[in-house]
Amino acid sequence: MDLLKRIKKCFDSDQILYTHHAILEMRNEEFGRIVEQEVYEAVLSGEIIENYPDDKPYASVLIFGKTSGCRALHVVCAYDKEEDATIVITVYEPNPDGWIGNKKRRER
């Protein structure tokens, strides 16, 4: 099973851990508070747009997805194989100044 399928399976079975950082980012998002239901919807509709294989203690990925209300979100997650759980590292609404089509970083 590929990584995205494993992450989505964790969301479906409520095997998710949110880091303190993710919770703070969701509460204080500059474009408006993000709730867990929106994260769920974005991940289930999402696609991996960046891979971070060297992150520790687990490799992580950046998922771009949209909520049922068409809100674009970026979710950085890692998958813990031993616990069969997804760890949400951070969540944010991509700023159009930094992203092209929410999927590609703008060059600076």
N, C-alpha and C. Protein backbone atom coordinates (compact mmCIF):
# COMPACT_ATOMS: atom_id res chain seq x y z
N MET A 1 0.86 -1.18 0.00
CA MET A 1 0.00 0.00 0.00
C MET A 1 0.90 1.24 0.00
N ASP A 2 0.60 2.19 -0.87
CA ASP A 2 1.46 3.38 -0.93
C ASP A 2 1.19 4.29 0.26
N LEU A 3 2.10 5.22 0.45
CA LEU A 3 2.06 6.09 1.63
C LEU A 3 0.77 6.90 1.74
N LEU A 4 0.32 7.49 0.65
CA LEU A 4 -0.89 8.29 0.70
C LEU A 4 -2.10 7.44 1.10
N LYS A 5 -2.17 6.22 0.59
CA LYS A 5 -3.27 5.33 0.96
C LYS A 5 -3.21 4.99 2.44
N ARG A 6 -2.01 4.78 2.97
CA ARG A 6 -1.87 4.50 4.41
C ARG A 6 -2.32 5.68 5.25
N ILE A 7 -1.92 6.88 4.83
CA ILE A 7 -2.32 8.10 5.55
C ILE A 7 -3.83 8.26 5.53
N LYS A 8 -4.44 8.09 4.37
CA LYS A 8 -5.89 8.21 4.25
C LYS A 8 -6.60 7.15 5.09
N LYS A 9 -6.05 5.94 5.13
CA LYS A 9 -6.63 4.86 5.95
C LYS A 9 -6.60 5.26 7.43
N CYS A 10 -5.52 5.88 7.86
CA CYS A 10 -5.42 6.34 9.25
C CYS A 10 -6.49 7.39 9.55
N PHE A 11 -6.71 8.29 8.61
CA PHE A 11 -7.75 9.31 8.81
C PHE A 11 -9.13 8.66 8.89
N ASP A 12 -9.36 7.65 8.06
CA ASP A 12 -10.65 6.96 8.08
C ASP A 12 -10.88 6.19 9.38
N SER A 13 -9.80 5.68 9.98
CA SER A 13 -9.93 4.88 11.20
C SER A 13 -9.57 5.67 12.46
N ASP A 14 -9.43 6.99 12.33
CA ASP A 14 -9.14 7.88 13.46
C ASP A 14 -7.84 7.52 14.18
N GLN A 15 -6.84 7.14 13.41
CA GLN A 15 -5.51 6.86 13.93
C GLN A 15 -4.61 8.05 13.62
N ILE A 16 -4.95 9.21 14.19
CA ILE A 16 -4.27 10.46 13.88
C ILE A 16 -3.80 11.12 15.17
N LEU A 17 -2.60 11.63 15.13
CA LEU A 17 -2.06 12.41 16.24
C LEU A 17 -1.71 13.79 15.68
N TYR A 18 -2.17 14.84 16.35
CA TYR A 18 -1.84 16.21 15.97
C TYR A 18 -0.74 16.72 16.88
N THR A 19 0.33 17.25 16.30
CA THR A 19 1.37 17.86 17.12
C THR A 19 0.84 19.15 17.73
N HIS A 20 1.49 19.58 18.78
CA HIS A 20 1.13 20.85 19.40
C HIS A 20 1.24 21.98 18.37
N HIS A 21 2.29 21.92 17.57
CA HIS A 21 2.49 22.93 16.52
C HIS A 21 1.31 22.96 15.55
N ALA A 22 0.84 21.79 15.12
CA ALA A 22 -0.29 21.73 14.18
C ALA A 22 -1.54 22.36 14.80
N ILE A 23 -1.80 22.05 16.05
CA ILE A 23 -2.98 22.60 16.73
C ILE A 23 -2.90 24.12 16.80
N LEU A 24 -1.73 24.64 17.15
CA LEU A 24 -1.56 26.10 17.21
C LEU A 24 -1.75 26.74 15.84
N GLU A 25 -1.18 26.13 14.81
CA GLU A 25 -1.30 26.67 13.46
C GLU A 25 -2.76 26.67 13.01
N MET A 26 -3.49 25.60 13.34
CA MET A 26 -4.90 25.51 12.95
C MET A 26 -5.72 26.60 13.65
N ARG A 27 -5.43 26.85 14.90
CA ARG A 27 -6.17 27.87 15.67
C ARG A 27 -5.86 29.28 15.19
N ASN A 28 -4.61 29.49 14.78
CA ASN A 28 -4.15 30.84 14.47
C ASN A 28 -3.93 31.09 12.98
N GLU A 29 -4.49 30.26 12.13
CA GLU A 29 -4.31 30.42 10.68
C GLU A 29 -4.72 31.82 10.24
N GLU A 30 -3.85 32.47 9.46
CA GLU A 30 -4.10 33.86 9.06
C GLU A 30 -5.35 34.03 8.21
N PHE A 31 -5.79 32.99 7.51
CA PHE A 31 -6.99 33.08 6.68
C PHE A 31 -8.24 32.54 7.38
N GLY A 32 -8.12 32.25 8.67
CA GLY A 32 -9.26 31.75 9.44
C GLY A 32 -8.98 30.37 10.02
N ARG A 33 -9.50 30.16 11.21
CA ARG A 33 -9.32 28.91 11.94
C ARG A 33 -9.60 27.67 11.07
N ILE A 34 -8.79 26.64 11.24
CA ILE A 34 -8.96 25.37 10.54
C ILE A 34 -9.42 24.34 11.56
N VAL A 35 -10.47 23.59 11.24
CA VAL A 35 -10.98 22.56 12.15
C VAL A 35 -10.58 21.18 11.64
N GLU A 36 -10.60 20.19 12.53
CA GLU A 36 -10.18 18.83 12.18
C GLU A 36 -10.97 18.25 11.01
N GLN A 37 -12.25 18.55 10.92
CA GLN A 37 -13.06 18.04 9.80
C GLN A 37 -12.51 18.53 8.46
N GLU A 38 -12.03 19.77 8.44
CA GLU A 38 -11.44 20.31 7.20
C GLU A 38 -10.14 19.58 6.85
N VAL A 39 -9.34 19.26 7.86
CA VAL A 39 -8.10 18.52 7.63
C VAL A 39 -8.44 17.15 7.04
N TYR A 40 -9.42 16.48 7.64
CA TYR A 40 -9.88 15.18 7.17
C TYR A 40 -10.30 15.26 5.69
N GLU A 41 -11.13 16.22 5.37
CA GLU A 41 -11.62 16.37 3.99
C GLU A 41 -10.47 16.66 3.02
N ALA A 42 -9.55 17.52 3.43
CA ALA A 42 -8.42 17.88 2.56
C ALA A 42 -7.52 16.68 2.31
N VAL A 43 -7.25 15.90 3.35
CA VAL A 43 -6.39 14.73 3.18
C VAL A 43 -7.07 13.69 2.30
N LEU A 44 -8.34 13.42 2.54
CA LEU A 44 -9.03 12.40 1.74
C LEU A 44 -9.15 12.78 0.27
N SER A 45 -9.21 14.07 -0.02
CA SER A 45 -9.30 14.51 -1.42
C SER A 45 -7.91 14.84 -1.97
N GLY A 46 -6.89 14.70 -1.14
CA GLY A 46 -5.59 15.26 -1.46
C GLY A 46 -4.64 14.41 -2.27
N GLU A 47 -3.53 15.07 -2.57
CA GLU A 47 -2.42 14.44 -3.29
C GLU A 47 -1.11 14.92 -2.66
N ILE A 48 -0.11 14.08 -2.72
CA ILE A 48 1.21 14.46 -2.21
C ILE A 48 1.87 15.37 -3.25
N ILE A 49 2.30 16.55 -2.79
CA ILE A 49 2.95 17.49 -3.71
C ILE A 49 4.44 17.68 -3.39
N GLU A 50 4.85 17.30 -2.18
CA GLU A 50 6.28 17.34 -1.82
C GLU A 50 6.56 16.19 -0.87
N ASN A 51 7.78 15.65 -0.97
CA ASN A 51 8.25 14.60 -0.07
C ASN A 51 9.44 15.12 0.72
N TYR A 52 9.47 14.76 2.00
CA TYR A 52 10.59 15.14 2.86
C TYR A 52 11.16 13.86 3.47
N PRO A 53 11.90 13.07 2.68
CA PRO A 53 12.38 11.76 3.14
C PRO A 53 13.40 11.82 4.28
N ASP A 54 14.05 12.96 4.46
CA ASP A 54 15.08 13.06 5.50
C ASP A 54 14.56 13.59 6.83
N ASP A 55 13.27 13.91 6.92
CA ASP A 55 12.71 14.37 8.19
C ASP A 55 12.84 13.28 9.25
N LYS A 56 13.03 13.69 10.47
CA LYS A 56 13.19 12.77 11.61
C LYS A 56 12.15 13.08 12.66
N PRO A 57 11.62 12.14 13.37
CA PRO A 57 11.97 10.72 13.34
C PRO A 57 11.30 9.93 12.22
N TYR A 58 10.42 10.57 11.44
CA TYR A 58 9.76 9.89 10.33
C TYR A 58 9.83 10.78 9.09
N ALA A 59 9.94 10.14 7.95
CA ALA A 59 9.83 10.89 6.70
C ALA A 59 8.43 11.51 6.66
N SER A 60 8.31 12.65 6.01
CA SER A 60 7.00 13.29 5.95
C SER A 60 6.70 13.73 4.52
N VAL A 61 5.44 14.13 4.32
CA VAL A 61 4.98 14.57 3.01
C VAL A 61 4.10 15.80 3.18
N LEU A 62 4.02 16.58 2.11
CA LEU A 62 3.11 17.72 2.06
C LEU A 62 1.95 17.31 1.16
N ILE A 63 0.75 17.34 1.73
CA ILE A 63 -0.46 16.98 0.98
C ILE A 63 -1.24 18.25 0.68
N PHE A 64 -1.65 18.39 -0.58
CA PHE A 64 -2.55 19.46 -0.96
C PHE A 64 -3.92 18.84 -1.20
N GLY A 65 -4.94 19.42 -0.57
CA GLY A 65 -6.30 18.96 -0.79
C GLY A 65 -7.28 20.08 -0.54
N LYS A 66 -8.53 19.80 -0.85
CA LYS A 66 -9.58 20.80 -0.65
C LYS A 66 -10.67 20.23 0.24
N THR A 67 -11.26 21.12 1.01
CA THR A 67 -12.36 20.74 1.87
C THR A 67 -13.64 20.66 1.03
N SER A 68 -14.72 20.19 1.64
CA SER A 68 -16.00 20.14 0.93
C SER A 68 -16.47 21.54 0.55
N GLY A 69 -15.98 22.56 1.28
CA GLY A 69 -16.31 23.95 0.96
C GLY A 69 -15.31 24.58 0.00
N CYS A 70 -14.46 23.77 -0.62
CA CYS A 70 -13.46 24.20 -1.61
C CYS A 70 -12.32 25.03 -1.01
N ARG A 71 -12.11 24.93 0.29
CA ARG A 71 -10.97 25.61 0.91
C ARG A 71 -9.71 24.79 0.66
N ALA A 72 -8.69 25.41 0.11
CA ALA A 72 -7.42 24.74 -0.15
C ALA A 72 -6.62 24.66 1.14
N LEU A 73 -6.07 23.49 1.43
CA LEU A 73 -5.22 23.31 2.61
C LEU A 73 -3.96 22.54 2.25
N HIS A 74 -2.90 22.84 2.98
CA HIS A 74 -1.68 22.05 2.96
C HIS A 74 -1.58 21.36 4.31
N VAL A 75 -1.30 20.06 4.27
CA VAL A 75 -1.17 19.27 5.49
C VAL A 75 0.16 18.53 5.42
N VAL A 76 1.05 18.79 6.37
CA VAL A 76 2.30 18.05 6.45
C VAL A 76 2.10 16.91 7.44
N CYS A 77 2.32 15.68 6.95
CA CYS A 77 2.08 14.49 7.77
C CYS A 77 3.27 13.55 7.70
N ALA A 78 3.35 12.73 8.72
CA ALA A 78 4.29 11.61 8.74
C ALA A 78 3.49 10.37 9.08
N TYR A 79 4.00 9.22 8.65
CA TYR A 79 3.33 7.96 8.95
C TYR A 79 4.23 7.13 9.86
N ASP A 80 3.69 6.72 11.00
CA ASP A 80 4.40 5.86 11.95
C ASP A 80 3.96 4.43 11.69
N LYS A 81 4.84 3.68 11.04
CA LYS A 81 4.53 2.30 10.65
C LYS A 81 4.26 1.41 11.87
N GLU A 82 5.07 1.57 12.93
CA GLU A 82 4.92 0.72 14.12
C GLU A 82 3.56 0.90 14.78
N GLU A 83 3.07 2.13 14.84
CA GLU A 83 1.79 2.43 15.48
C GLU A 83 0.63 2.44 14.49
N ASP A 84 0.95 2.31 13.20
CA ASP A 84 -0.04 2.45 12.13
C ASP A 84 -0.88 3.70 12.37
N ALA A 85 -0.16 4.83 12.49
CA ALA A 85 -0.82 6.11 12.78
C ALA A 85 -0.18 7.21 11.94
N THR A 86 -0.99 8.22 11.65
CA THR A 86 -0.51 9.40 10.95
C THR A 86 -0.32 10.52 11.96
N ILE A 87 0.80 11.21 11.83
CA ILE A 87 1.11 12.35 12.69
C ILE A 87 0.98 13.60 11.83
N VAL A 88 0.08 14.50 12.24
CA VAL A 88 -0.10 15.76 11.53
C VAL A 88 0.87 16.76 12.15
N ILE A 89 1.81 17.20 11.34
CA ILE A 89 2.88 18.08 11.81
C ILE A 89 2.47 19.54 11.74
N THR A 90 1.85 19.93 10.65
CA THR A 90 1.32 21.28 10.52
C THR A 90 0.24 21.30 9.46
N VAL A 91 -0.61 22.32 9.54
CA VAL A 91 -1.71 22.52 8.60
C VAL A 91 -1.83 24.02 8.36
N TYR A 92 -2.00 24.41 7.10
CA TYR A 92 -2.19 25.82 6.80
C TYR A 92 -2.89 25.98 5.46
N GLU A 93 -3.45 27.14 5.26
CA GLU A 93 -4.02 27.49 3.97
C GLU A 93 -2.90 28.15 3.17
N PRO A 94 -2.57 27.61 2.00
CA PRO A 94 -1.45 28.17 1.25
C PRO A 94 -1.70 29.62 0.82
N ASN A 95 -0.70 30.45 1.04
CA ASN A 95 -0.78 31.84 0.65
C ASN A 95 -0.48 31.95 -0.85
N PRO A 96 -1.36 32.54 -1.63
CA PRO A 96 -1.15 32.64 -3.08
C PRO A 96 0.15 33.34 -3.45
N ASP A 97 0.68 34.19 -2.56
CA ASP A 97 1.95 34.86 -2.84
C ASP A 97 3.12 33.87 -2.88
N GLY A 98 2.97 32.73 -2.22
CA GLY A 98 4.05 31.76 -2.15
C GLY A 98 3.86 30.52 -2.99
N TRP A 99 2.68 30.38 -3.60
CA TRP A 99 2.36 29.14 -4.31
C TRP A 99 1.72 29.43 -5.67
N ILE A 100 2.01 28.60 -6.64
CA ILE A 100 1.37 28.65 -7.95
C ILE A 100 0.34 27.51 -7.96
N GLY A 101 -0.93 27.88 -8.07
CA GLY A 101 -1.98 26.88 -8.09
C GLY A 101 -2.03 26.00 -6.86
N ASN A 102 -1.51 26.49 -5.76
CA ASN A 102 -1.46 25.78 -4.48
C ASN A 102 -0.58 24.54 -4.48
N LYS A 103 0.07 24.25 -5.61
CA LYS A 103 0.84 23.00 -5.71
C LYS A 103 2.33 23.19 -5.92
N LYS A 104 2.73 24.35 -6.42
CA LYS A 104 4.15 24.57 -6.73
C LYS A 104 4.61 25.86 -6.06
N ARG A 105 5.74 25.75 -5.37
CA ARG A 105 6.29 26.93 -4.70
C ARG A 105 6.75 27.97 -5.71
N ARG A 106 6.45 29.22 -5.41
CA ARG A 106 6.95 30.32 -6.26
C ARG A 106 8.45 30.49 -5.96
N GLU A 107 9.20 30.76 -7.00
CA GLU A 107 10.62 31.03 -6.82
C GLU A 107 10.78 32.41 -6.23
N ARG A 108 11.73 32.55 -5.36
CA ARG A 108 11.97 33.85 -4.70
C ARG A 108 13.30 34.40 -5.08
